[in-house]
Structures are given as C-alpha cells and as structure tokens.
Amino acid sequence: MATTWEPGSWRSKPGLQMATWEDSEKANNVLTKLSQLPPLVQPAEADNLKAMLAAAGRGEKFIIQGGDCAERFLDCNQDRLEKQVKLIMQMGMIFEHVTGKPPVCIARIAGQYGKPRSKPTEVVEGYGEIMSFKGENINGFAPADRKWDPERLLQGYWHSAATLNFMRSFLQYADGTVTSAIDINSLMASTEFEDLKQKAQDISAKFSGRATAPVFTSHEAMQLDLEEVLTRGVADKFYNLGAHLVWIGDRTRQIDGAHVEYFRGIANPVGVKVGPSMKNNELQELLQILNPNKEEGKVMIITRYGAEKVEDMLPGHIEAVKATGIPVVWQCDAVHGNGIVAQSNKYKTRRVEDIWCEIVKCIGVHKQCGTFLGGIHLEFTGEETVTECLGGSVGLTEEMLTSNYETLCDPRLNYAQAIETAFKVAAAVN
C-alpha cells in the first residue's frame, strides 16, 4: 500500500542523475527563494492539457511535442522564440489539414534546461577530468564553467518566466497570416514538392483567420529539489507549476526510485520514457504506481526504441498495458533511439529517414494491436540554417554538419526537416 505522499517524500528514495550542491547553505537559500516565487503555469491549464491528452489517447487528437534537446539561456530572445513557437504551430496545422485531427501542441520549452548524462564526469583536453555538462540550470557548457552552481536554478526560473511571458502574448496577438505561412522553398528537391506547395497554400488560406491554438510547456523533471519547490498545493491536490507536463527519463524510471516517488503524487499529466530495456511487468507496475485511479490523459508512454527495434518491442509493451486496464496515451519519441556518430567528423547526428521510419513503424504496430498512436516527440529548432541532422529533401550530408552545429547536447531537425516530417507523419496517419 502506498505511503502518504508529499512534495519532498522523494528524498527517502535513491535518486539518479541529480546534481548535488557543494555549498548547501547557498542551495537552501536559492530553493527557499524559488519556493516563494509565483508559479509559472496555472493548475487549470494542466487540467486542460490532461483532457486534450485523453482525447489523443482515444484517437481524436494528435500530439505534436518537440523543441530543443537542451535549451540555452542565450536563446531566450524574441527571434528564436518566435521561430520555435511558429514551427510547432505550423506542424500542428499541417497535421490537422491532412488528417482532420486537431493537434495538441506541447513544446520542450521554458524549463528544458537540465539533461541526464551517461557519466557524471568527462575528460577534456587541457582541463583533465571535469563535471559533465548537465544543462544550463546546473552548469555551463564551457569547461571553465562546469562546477554545479545552485544559483543557475534561479537563472533557469527567470528565463522560463521570460519565455512564457513572450509565448502568451505572442499566441494571443500573433498575425495569423504570418504564423500560417509555411516556407517550403527548401524542399524543392522533394518528389512531392508540387503537392506540398499546394497544401502549404491551402493551410495558409484555412488557418490565417483562425484563433491560435494553445502551446503547452514541458520538460524532463530531473532535478527534484527544483521540482519540489515548484510544486504547490491546490485544494486537495499538488501540481508541479513549473510546466504543464513533465516527464520521467528512461534513465530515472526505477520503480523504487526518487523520480517515480515524486511523479506519483502530482496532479499534472505526466510522461514516462520507455526504451528497449523496459520489461513488460515493470511497465505494468509503473503504471499502477503512476495512475492507480485509471484516469484518462494522466500518463503518456513515450516509446523510444530506435527504428530497428519497434516491431520487436512495441507489441509486447502494448499488450502488457492492455492487461492492466489502465488508460494511457501512446507517443513515439523517434529521435533518442536513432542517434549515430558521423564517420567523417565524429559529430553526433541522426538521419531524418530513420526518424520517419520509426514513426511509420509505430503507426503500423498500433493499428495491428487495435490501439492509437497519440502523438510524436521530436527534437527540432525553428532555425532554418541549423545543420545537425542528416538527410531529408534538404540533402544535408556529413560534410555539412560543421556549417552550423549549435546544439549543446543532441542534434535537432532544422525548420525544413521538421516541416517535411510533419507532412510525412500526417500522410502516414491518414
């Protein structure tokens, strides 16, 4: 029987991937300040998202979730934020136009400043062994800035607040003729270019006069002392009011661990990454902990297998979930299982075609099993000139990766690659 839960009950469990603070007094002062600052989102917004996710779980809507692997503080500026928000909106418009299903747009934004790492330290030439970069709310990317610093948690809050302030005003007053203007000029090499061009024109005509759909915020809730102080009591519930949706990573989903303990008590909709190492009975136990009341829209299973493992892994996971009777929303993370290293220059990258392949295979397995793929989870940027992922109609090659490789962590689709992916996925679902 579950014990009584409170926002800090995770502290009694073993936790992974979290920074620890050398100066405990400084950390306590920062966390106390954060606990007194206003929430970034409202409980009603999280409840609204939960209802939309429930609809996606029934096949009535489709989730477009994505954004940066790890946000950078310097990207908190009007131009970059506007491009990012416009891209996810346009991907939603594409999907609705092609399939007739309304989108649920969720950005990896306003808080995706922390990252899990395979090792806590790394060896850097000229510096020796230093702490691994864990995201800008923990430490800096430059080797000289790798010390874990709790003051960065406050910087993360201020940048998240500024991002949300811009997003809210932009979504309220954005010019529909601008937000719906999809640029497909970079896709001219596609054999489907004329069809894409016509669809882009039709989408602009259809959506330019419409009110904008909401864009929700999300991040991986990894640093639990931060998440604890952003968790607030509302009536008889507790909400993480640092984001509308938070998820547990594949590295921190241990049944008896701190992250599962924290997640079981919050009222937000939550996601959990599920990779090839997830056993069927483990998934069942996890769902019983996270959603004992069998609430629709409460838990999103974010599968991340890699294109070659979908057909081996997904059917068993689907049947295991069915056996519990617990409703879930199925989402395909088509990026994290498809990472490769470019042979010519050793850059971390991904092939766009592998991403498409994983999504298409997920759609097929769900159809065979009588379930719905409720959405996709990607890493992308609204920047047109970024060169981090290979392929697509833009024809990005290994040699081109060095042109504008910006990411501090994993590679992202650029604007054209993301737009082409939205068209491909919509056609496959349709």
Protein backbone atom coordinates (compact mmCIF):
# COMPACT_ATOMS: atom_id res chain seq x y z
CA MET A 1 0.00 0.00 0.00
CA ALA A 2 1.37 3.40 -0.98
CA THR A 3 2.61 5.62 1.81
CA THR A 4 1.41 9.18 2.33
CA TRP A 5 2.84 11.47 -0.32
CA GLU A 6 4.19 14.99 -0.04
CA PRO A 7 6.36 17.04 -2.44
CA GLY A 8 9.53 16.08 -0.56
CA SER A 9 8.84 12.38 0.00
CA TRP A 10 11.18 11.55 -2.90
CA ARG A 11 14.08 12.36 -0.55
CA SER A 12 13.68 8.99 1.18
CA LYS A 13 14.34 7.13 -2.10
CA PRO A 14 17.52 6.58 -4.12
CA GLY A 15 17.84 9.20 -6.85
CA LEU A 16 19.88 9.27 -10.05
CA GLN A 17 21.07 11.99 -12.43
CA MET A 18 20.62 14.88 -9.97
CA ALA A 19 23.25 17.50 -9.22
CA THR A 20 24.35 17.80 -5.60
CA TRP A 21 25.42 21.12 -4.19
CA GLU A 22 28.81 21.70 -2.56
CA ASP A 23 27.53 24.85 -0.80
CA SER A 24 24.41 23.56 0.95
CA GLU A 25 23.59 26.91 2.55
CA LYS A 26 23.66 28.66 -0.81
CA ALA A 27 21.49 25.92 -2.31
CA ASN A 28 18.95 26.16 0.53
CA ASN A 29 18.72 29.94 0.07
CA VAL A 30 18.10 29.52 -3.66
CA LEU A 31 15.46 26.85 -3.15
CA THR A 32 13.73 28.92 -0.47
CA LYS A 33 13.60 31.88 -2.86
CA LEU A 34 12.20 29.68 -5.64
CA SER A 35 9.51 28.35 -3.31
CA GLN A 36 8.32 31.93 -2.74
CA LEU A 37 8.21 32.98 -6.40
CA PRO A 38 4.89 32.79 -8.28
CA PRO A 39 4.05 29.68 -10.31
CA LEU A 40 4.91 29.67 -14.00
CA VAL A 41 1.66 27.98 -15.08
CA GLN A 42 -1.83 27.54 -13.69
CA PRO A 43 -3.44 24.30 -12.46
CA ALA A 44 -6.40 24.77 -14.81
CA GLU A 45 -4.02 24.80 -17.78
CA ALA A 46 -2.56 21.45 -16.72
CA ASP A 47 -6.08 20.05 -16.32
CA ASN A 48 -6.99 21.35 -19.78
CA LEU A 49 -3.96 19.63 -21.27
CA LYS A 50 -4.88 16.39 -19.48
CA ALA A 51 -8.32 16.46 -21.13
CA MET A 52 -6.69 17.02 -24.54
CA LEU A 53 -4.29 14.15 -23.95
CA ALA A 54 -7.20 11.91 -23.08
CA ALA A 55 -8.72 12.77 -26.46
CA ALA A 56 -5.41 11.95 -28.16
CA GLY A 57 -5.38 8.61 -26.35
CA ARG A 58 -8.77 7.87 -27.92
CA GLY A 59 -7.51 8.80 -31.38
CA GLU A 60 -9.47 12.07 -31.55
CA LYS A 61 -6.47 14.44 -31.46
CA PHE A 62 -2.75 14.15 -32.19
CA ILE A 63 0.15 15.41 -30.09
CA ILE A 64 2.99 17.36 -31.65
CA GLN A 65 5.66 17.66 -28.96
CA GLY A 66 9.14 18.96 -29.55
CA GLY A 67 11.81 21.59 -29.25
CA ASP A 68 15.40 21.84 -28.13
CA CYS A 69 17.25 18.91 -26.63
CA ALA A 70 18.60 21.34 -24.03
CA GLU A 71 17.51 24.97 -24.05
CA ARG A 72 20.21 27.62 -23.87
CA PHE A 73 19.78 30.83 -21.91
CA LEU A 74 21.00 32.82 -24.91
CA ASP A 75 18.07 31.50 -26.99
CA CYS A 76 15.63 33.36 -24.76
CA ASN A 77 15.15 36.15 -27.30
CA GLN A 78 12.25 37.23 -29.49
CA ASP A 79 13.52 35.99 -32.85
CA ARG A 80 14.38 32.47 -31.75
CA LEU A 81 11.33 32.01 -29.55
CA GLU A 82 9.01 33.26 -32.28
CA LYS A 83 10.52 30.83 -34.79
CA GLN A 84 10.22 27.93 -32.34
CA VAL A 85 6.58 28.64 -31.48
CA LYS A 86 5.65 29.22 -35.13
CA LEU A 87 7.22 25.92 -36.14
CA ILE A 88 5.29 23.81 -33.66
CA MET A 89 2.09 25.66 -34.57
CA GLN A 90 2.69 25.04 -38.28
CA MET A 91 3.40 21.35 -37.69
CA GLY A 92 0.04 21.18 -35.90
CA MET A 93 -1.69 22.97 -38.78
CA ILE A 94 -0.18 20.53 -41.28
CA PHE A 95 -1.40 17.58 -39.28
CA GLU A 96 -4.92 18.93 -38.88
CA HIS A 97 -5.19 19.88 -42.56
CA VAL A 98 -4.09 16.47 -43.80
CA THR A 99 -5.82 14.22 -41.25
CA GLY A 100 -8.71 16.29 -39.90
CA LYS A 101 -7.49 15.65 -36.33
CA PRO A 102 -6.88 18.74 -34.16
CA PRO A 103 -3.35 18.94 -32.80
CA VAL A 104 -2.19 19.17 -29.19
CA CYS A 105 0.97 21.28 -29.32
CA ILE A 106 3.45 20.81 -26.48
CA ALA A 107 6.87 22.47 -26.61
CA ARG A 108 10.06 21.41 -24.92
CA ILE A 109 10.43 24.97 -23.70
CA ALA A 110 10.52 27.27 -20.66
CA GLY A 111 12.31 24.79 -18.43
CA GLN A 112 14.18 22.20 -20.53
CA TYR A 113 17.47 23.37 -19.02
CA GLY A 114 18.62 20.10 -17.44
CA LYS A 115 19.90 16.93 -19.11
CA PRO A 116 20.76 13.41 -17.90
CA ARG A 117 24.22 12.21 -18.81
CA SER A 118 25.69 8.74 -19.12
CA LYS A 119 28.61 9.70 -16.85
CA PRO A 120 28.93 12.47 -14.21
CA THR A 121 32.38 13.47 -15.44
CA GLU A 122 34.33 13.62 -18.67
CA VAL A 123 37.96 14.18 -19.66
CA VAL A 124 38.59 17.37 -21.66
CA GLU A 125 41.98 18.10 -23.18
CA GLY A 126 43.71 20.88 -21.25
CA TYR A 127 41.35 20.57 -18.28
CA GLY A 128 41.58 16.93 -17.26
CA GLU A 129 38.55 15.31 -15.65
CA ILE A 130 35.70 17.80 -15.17
CA MET A 131 31.96 17.58 -14.48
CA SER A 132 29.80 16.67 -17.48
CA PHE A 133 27.54 19.38 -18.85
CA LYS A 134 24.09 18.78 -17.35
CA GLY A 135 22.18 21.74 -18.74
CA GLU A 136 22.39 25.45 -18.11
CA ASN A 137 20.40 25.42 -14.89
CA ILE A 138 23.15 23.19 -13.41
CA ASN A 139 26.43 24.29 -15.00
CA GLY A 140 27.90 25.99 -18.05
CA PHE A 141 28.98 24.33 -21.28
CA ALA A 142 32.44 25.92 -21.30
CA PRO A 143 34.97 23.72 -19.46
CA ALA A 144 35.76 26.52 -17.01
CA ASP A 145 32.06 26.74 -16.02
CA ARG A 146 31.43 23.09 -15.20
CA LYS A 147 31.07 23.46 -11.43
CA TRP A 148 27.50 22.70 -10.33
CA ASP A 149 26.04 26.02 -9.18
CA PRO A 150 22.61 26.30 -7.49
CA GLU A 151 22.35 29.97 -8.49
CA ARG A 152 21.73 28.70 -12.01
CA LEU A 153 18.37 27.31 -10.85
CA LEU A 154 17.23 30.90 -10.33
CA GLN A 155 18.53 31.85 -13.76
CA GLY A 156 16.52 28.97 -15.18
CA TYR A 157 13.37 30.27 -13.47
CA TRP A 158 13.83 33.82 -14.80
CA HIS A 159 14.50 32.61 -18.34
CA SER A 160 11.48 30.28 -18.15
CA ALA A 161 9.31 33.15 -16.92
CA ALA A 162 10.50 35.44 -19.72
CA THR A 163 9.91 32.71 -22.30
CA LEU A 164 6.38 32.08 -21.05
CA ASN A 165 5.61 35.80 -20.96
CA PHE A 166 6.60 36.11 -24.60
CA MET A 167 4.74 32.94 -25.62
CA ARG A 168 1.49 34.01 -24.00
CA SER A 169 1.45 37.45 -25.63
CA PHE A 170 2.60 36.10 -28.99
CA LEU A 171 -0.10 33.43 -29.07
CA GLN A 172 -2.75 35.97 -28.11
CA TYR A 173 -1.86 38.62 -30.66
CA ALA A 174 0.07 36.83 -33.41
CA ASP A 175 -0.84 37.67 -37.01
CA GLY A 176 -2.43 34.52 -38.44
CA THR A 177 -1.21 35.31 -41.94
CA VAL A 178 2.35 35.14 -40.59
CA THR A 179 2.04 32.11 -38.31
CA SER A 180 0.33 30.04 -41.03
CA ALA A 181 2.82 30.95 -43.79
CA ILE A 182 4.74 27.68 -44.19
CA ASP A 183 8.05 28.06 -46.04
CA ILE A 184 8.70 25.00 -48.21
CA ASN A 185 11.27 26.53 -50.55
CA SER A 186 13.99 24.33 -49.06
CA LEU A 187 12.01 21.22 -50.02
CA MET A 188 12.16 21.79 -53.79
CA ALA A 189 14.19 18.61 -54.24
CA SER A 190 11.29 16.54 -52.93
CA THR A 191 9.44 14.44 -55.49
CA GLU A 192 6.28 15.62 -53.75
CA PHE A 193 7.14 19.32 -53.92
CA GLU A 194 4.16 20.44 -56.02
CA ASP A 195 1.76 18.64 -53.68
CA LEU A 196 3.49 20.15 -50.64
CA LYS A 197 3.33 23.60 -52.23
CA GLN A 198 -0.41 23.30 -52.80
CA LYS A 199 -1.01 22.02 -49.28
CA ALA A 200 1.02 24.90 -47.82
CA GLN A 201 -1.12 27.38 -49.75
CA ASP A 202 -4.32 25.68 -48.61
CA ILE A 203 -3.14 25.69 -44.98
CA SER A 204 -2.38 29.42 -45.12
CA ALA A 205 -5.83 30.12 -46.50
CA LYS A 206 -7.52 27.91 -43.92
CA PHE A 207 -5.69 28.98 -40.76
CA SER A 208 -4.79 32.64 -41.33
CA GLY A 209 -8.07 33.85 -39.88
CA ARG A 210 -8.35 31.37 -37.02
CA ALA A 211 -7.63 31.96 -33.37
CA THR A 212 -4.32 30.39 -32.39
CA ALA A 213 -4.34 27.05 -30.61
CA PRO A 214 -2.61 26.83 -27.21
CA VAL A 215 1.00 25.73 -26.94
CA PHE A 216 1.76 23.96 -23.66
CA THR A 217 5.13 23.73 -21.91
CA SER A 218 7.04 20.62 -20.86
CA HIS A 219 10.40 19.44 -19.62
CA GLU A 220 12.12 16.41 -18.16
CA ALA A 221 11.73 16.72 -14.38
CA MET A 222 15.18 15.53 -13.40
CA GLN A 223 16.44 17.90 -10.66
CA LEU A 224 13.91 17.04 -7.96
CA ASP A 225 14.88 19.67 -5.40
CA LEU A 226 13.91 22.23 -8.05
CA GLU A 227 10.69 20.41 -8.95
CA GLU A 228 9.76 20.12 -5.28
CA VAL A 229 9.81 23.88 -4.68
CA LEU A 230 7.80 24.47 -7.88
CA THR A 231 5.14 22.06 -6.60
CA ARG A 232 2.25 23.82 -4.93
CA GLY A 233 -0.83 22.66 -3.05
CA VAL A 234 -4.12 23.50 -4.76
CA ALA A 235 -7.21 22.43 -2.78
CA ASP A 236 -6.60 18.75 -2.07
CA LYS A 237 -4.07 18.22 -4.89
CA PHE A 238 -0.46 19.07 -5.65
CA TYR A 239 0.60 20.43 -9.04
CA ASN A 240 4.04 20.99 -10.48
CA LEU A 241 3.52 24.57 -11.60
CA GLY A 242 6.84 24.85 -13.37
CA ALA A 243 5.32 23.30 -16.53
CA HIS A 244 2.06 21.93 -17.85
CA LEU A 245 3.54 18.47 -18.41
CA VAL A 246 6.71 16.86 -17.06
CA TRP A 247 8.21 13.52 -17.91
CA ILE A 248 10.46 10.88 -16.36
CA GLY A 249 13.51 9.95 -18.40
CA ASP A 250 14.48 6.43 -19.40
CA ARG A 251 17.45 6.68 -17.00
CA THR A 252 15.39 7.69 -13.93
CA ARG A 253 12.25 5.50 -14.09
CA GLN A 254 13.31 2.99 -11.41
CA ILE A 255 10.24 1.61 -9.61
CA ASP A 256 11.71 2.21 -6.15
CA GLY A 257 13.47 5.43 -7.13
CA ALA A 258 13.08 9.07 -6.21
CA HIS A 259 11.64 10.19 -9.54
CA VAL A 260 8.77 7.70 -9.61
CA GLU A 261 8.03 8.60 -5.99
CA TYR A 262 7.81 12.29 -6.89
CA PHE A 263 5.75 11.74 -10.03
CA ARG A 264 3.14 9.55 -8.35
CA GLY A 265 1.91 12.48 -6.26
CA ILE A 266 1.45 15.34 -8.72
CA ALA A 267 -1.84 16.07 -10.47
CA ASN A 268 -0.27 17.15 -13.78
CA PRO A 269 -0.37 14.85 -16.77
CA VAL A 270 2.99 13.07 -16.85
CA GLY A 271 5.09 11.25 -19.39
CA VAL A 272 7.46 8.33 -18.97
CA LYS A 273 10.14 7.39 -21.47
CA VAL A 274 10.10 3.68 -22.35
CA GLY A 275 13.06 2.14 -24.14
CA PRO A 276 14.18 -1.38 -25.07
CA SER A 277 15.31 -2.15 -21.51
CA MET A 278 11.76 -1.80 -20.11
CA LYS A 279 10.35 -5.19 -19.15
CA ASN A 280 6.63 -5.81 -19.62
CA ASN A 281 5.94 -6.49 -15.95
CA GLU A 282 7.99 -3.44 -14.96
CA LEU A 283 5.85 -1.26 -17.22
CA GLN A 284 2.71 -2.66 -15.65
CA GLU A 285 3.97 -1.95 -12.14
CA LEU A 286 5.00 1.56 -13.12
CA LEU A 287 1.54 2.34 -14.50
CA GLN A 288 -0.13 1.06 -11.35
CA ILE A 289 2.01 3.46 -9.32
CA LEU A 290 1.57 6.48 -11.58
CA ASN A 291 -2.12 6.05 -12.43
CA PRO A 292 -3.83 3.88 -9.79
CA ASN A 293 -7.18 5.61 -10.39
CA LYS A 294 -7.12 4.77 -14.12
CA GLU A 295 -7.53 8.41 -15.15
CA GLU A 296 -7.63 9.16 -18.87
CA GLY A 297 -4.93 11.55 -20.06
CA LYS A 298 -2.90 11.16 -16.88
CA VAL A 299 0.03 9.10 -18.23
CA MET A 300 1.71 9.33 -21.61
CA ILE A 301 4.01 6.45 -22.56
CA ILE A 302 6.79 7.87 -24.72
CA THR A 303 8.38 4.95 -26.56
CA ARG A 304 11.98 5.42 -27.73
CA TYR A 305 13.30 2.21 -29.23
CA GLY A 306 15.11 3.09 -32.44
CA ALA A 307 13.67 2.28 -35.85
CA GLU A 308 15.08 -1.26 -35.93
CA LYS A 309 13.56 -2.31 -32.58
CA VAL A 310 9.98 -1.01 -32.81
CA GLU A 311 8.41 -4.20 -34.14
CA ASP A 312 10.25 -6.34 -31.57
CA MET A 313 9.44 -4.21 -28.52
CA LEU A 314 6.22 -2.26 -29.00
CA PRO A 315 3.68 -5.13 -29.37
CA GLY A 316 4.70 -6.64 -26.04
CA HIS A 317 4.51 -3.30 -24.27
CA ILE A 318 1.07 -2.62 -25.76
CA GLU A 319 -0.29 -5.99 -24.62
CA ALA A 320 1.21 -5.52 -21.15
CA VAL A 321 -0.55 -2.16 -20.82
CA LYS A 322 -3.83 -3.57 -22.10
CA ALA A 323 -3.70 -6.24 -19.39
CA THR A 324 -3.65 -3.59 -16.65
CA GLY A 325 -6.84 -1.89 -17.82
CA ILE A 326 -5.13 1.45 -17.24
CA PRO A 327 -5.72 4.01 -20.00
CA VAL A 328 -2.58 5.55 -21.48
CA VAL A 329 -1.61 7.91 -24.27
CA TRP A 330 0.96 6.40 -26.64
CA GLN A 331 3.60 8.70 -28.08
CA CYS A 332 6.58 7.93 -30.32
CA ASP A 333 9.91 9.57 -29.47
CA ALA A 334 11.57 8.94 -32.80
CA VAL A 335 14.86 10.67 -32.09
CA HIS A 336 16.53 9.26 -28.99
CA GLY A 337 16.86 5.70 -30.27
CA ASN A 338 18.28 6.77 -33.62
CA GLY A 339 21.45 8.58 -32.68
CA ILE A 340 24.61 7.90 -34.70
CA VAL A 341 28.12 9.34 -34.96
CA ALA A 342 29.18 10.74 -38.33
CA GLN A 343 32.16 8.72 -39.52
CA SER A 344 33.91 11.61 -41.25
CA ASN A 345 33.93 14.11 -38.37
CA LYS A 346 32.61 12.30 -35.27
CA TYR A 347 29.65 14.68 -34.84
CA LYS A 348 26.62 13.28 -33.06
CA THR A 349 23.76 13.20 -35.53
CA ARG A 350 20.60 11.45 -36.69
CA ARG A 351 19.18 10.52 -40.07
CA VAL A 352 15.82 12.09 -40.84
CA GLU A 353 14.82 8.93 -42.70
CA ASP A 354 15.39 6.84 -39.55
CA ILE A 355 13.09 9.17 -37.64
CA TRP A 356 10.38 8.79 -40.27
CA CYS A 357 10.86 5.03 -40.28
CA GLU A 358 10.37 4.69 -36.52
CA ILE A 359 7.17 6.74 -36.59
CA VAL A 360 5.71 4.81 -39.52
CA LYS A 361 6.50 1.50 -37.84
CA CYS A 362 4.86 2.69 -34.61
CA ILE A 363 1.73 3.68 -36.53
CA GLY A 364 1.61 0.23 -38.13
CA VAL A 365 2.07 -1.68 -34.86
CA HIS A 366 -0.63 0.34 -33.11
CA LYS A 367 -3.06 -0.35 -35.96
CA GLN A 368 -2.31 -4.08 -35.71
CA CYS A 369 -2.82 -4.04 -31.94
CA GLY A 370 -6.04 -2.01 -32.04
CA THR A 371 -4.52 0.99 -30.26
CA PHE A 372 -3.83 4.58 -31.31
CA LEU A 373 -0.53 6.36 -31.69
CA GLY A 374 -1.48 9.57 -29.93
CA GLY A 375 1.46 11.69 -31.00
CA ILE A 376 5.13 12.24 -31.72
CA HIS A 377 8.01 13.59 -29.64
CA LEU A 378 10.91 15.17 -31.53
CA GLU A 379 13.87 17.48 -31.08
CA PHE A 380 13.81 20.38 -33.54
CA THR A 381 14.52 24.06 -33.96
CA GLY A 382 12.75 26.79 -35.90
CA GLU A 383 16.11 27.93 -37.26
CA GLU A 384 16.40 27.35 -41.00
CA THR A 385 20.19 27.21 -41.19
CA VAL A 386 20.96 24.70 -38.41
CA THR A 387 22.89 21.64 -39.67
CA GLU A 388 22.65 18.87 -37.09
CA CYS A 389 20.61 16.01 -38.63
CA LEU A 390 21.34 14.23 -41.91
CA GLY A 391 19.06 13.78 -44.89
CA GLY A 392 15.59 14.89 -45.83
CA SER A 393 14.86 16.74 -49.05
CA VAL A 394 17.36 19.42 -48.00
CA GLY A 395 20.01 16.73 -48.59
CA LEU A 396 22.10 17.52 -45.53
CA THR A 397 25.35 15.49 -45.59
CA GLU A 398 28.04 14.68 -43.02
CA GLU A 399 30.30 17.32 -44.52
CA MET A 400 27.58 19.95 -43.99
CA LEU A 401 27.20 19.22 -40.26
CA THR A 402 30.05 21.57 -39.39
CA SER A 403 28.36 24.55 -41.09
CA ASN A 404 26.03 25.48 -38.23
CA TYR A 405 26.04 22.83 -35.50
CA GLU A 406 24.65 24.75 -32.50
CA THR A 407 23.25 22.22 -30.06
CA LEU A 408 24.86 21.81 -26.64
CA CYS A 409 23.63 18.21 -26.45
CA ASP A 410 21.71 16.14 -29.02
CA PRO A 411 21.13 17.06 -32.69
CA ARG A 412 17.86 18.67 -33.80
CA LEU A 413 15.87 18.75 -37.02
CA ASN A 414 16.05 22.18 -38.65
CA TYR A 415 12.94 24.05 -39.83
CA ALA A 416 12.71 22.41 -43.26
CA GLN A 417 13.35 18.91 -41.90
CA ALA A 418 10.70 19.37 -39.21
CA ILE A 419 8.12 20.65 -41.68
CA GLU A 420 8.80 17.75 -44.02
CA THR A 421 8.47 15.35 -41.07
CA ALA A 422 5.06 16.79 -40.22
CA PHE A 423 3.85 16.17 -43.77
CA LYS A 424 5.28 12.63 -43.77
CA VAL A 425 3.70 11.72 -40.42
CA ALA A 426 0.33 13.20 -41.33
CA ALA A 427 0.27 11.21 -44.57
CA ALA A 428 1.17 8.01 -42.73
CA VAL A 429 -1.53 8.52 -40.10
CA ASN A 430 -4.07 9.38 -42.77
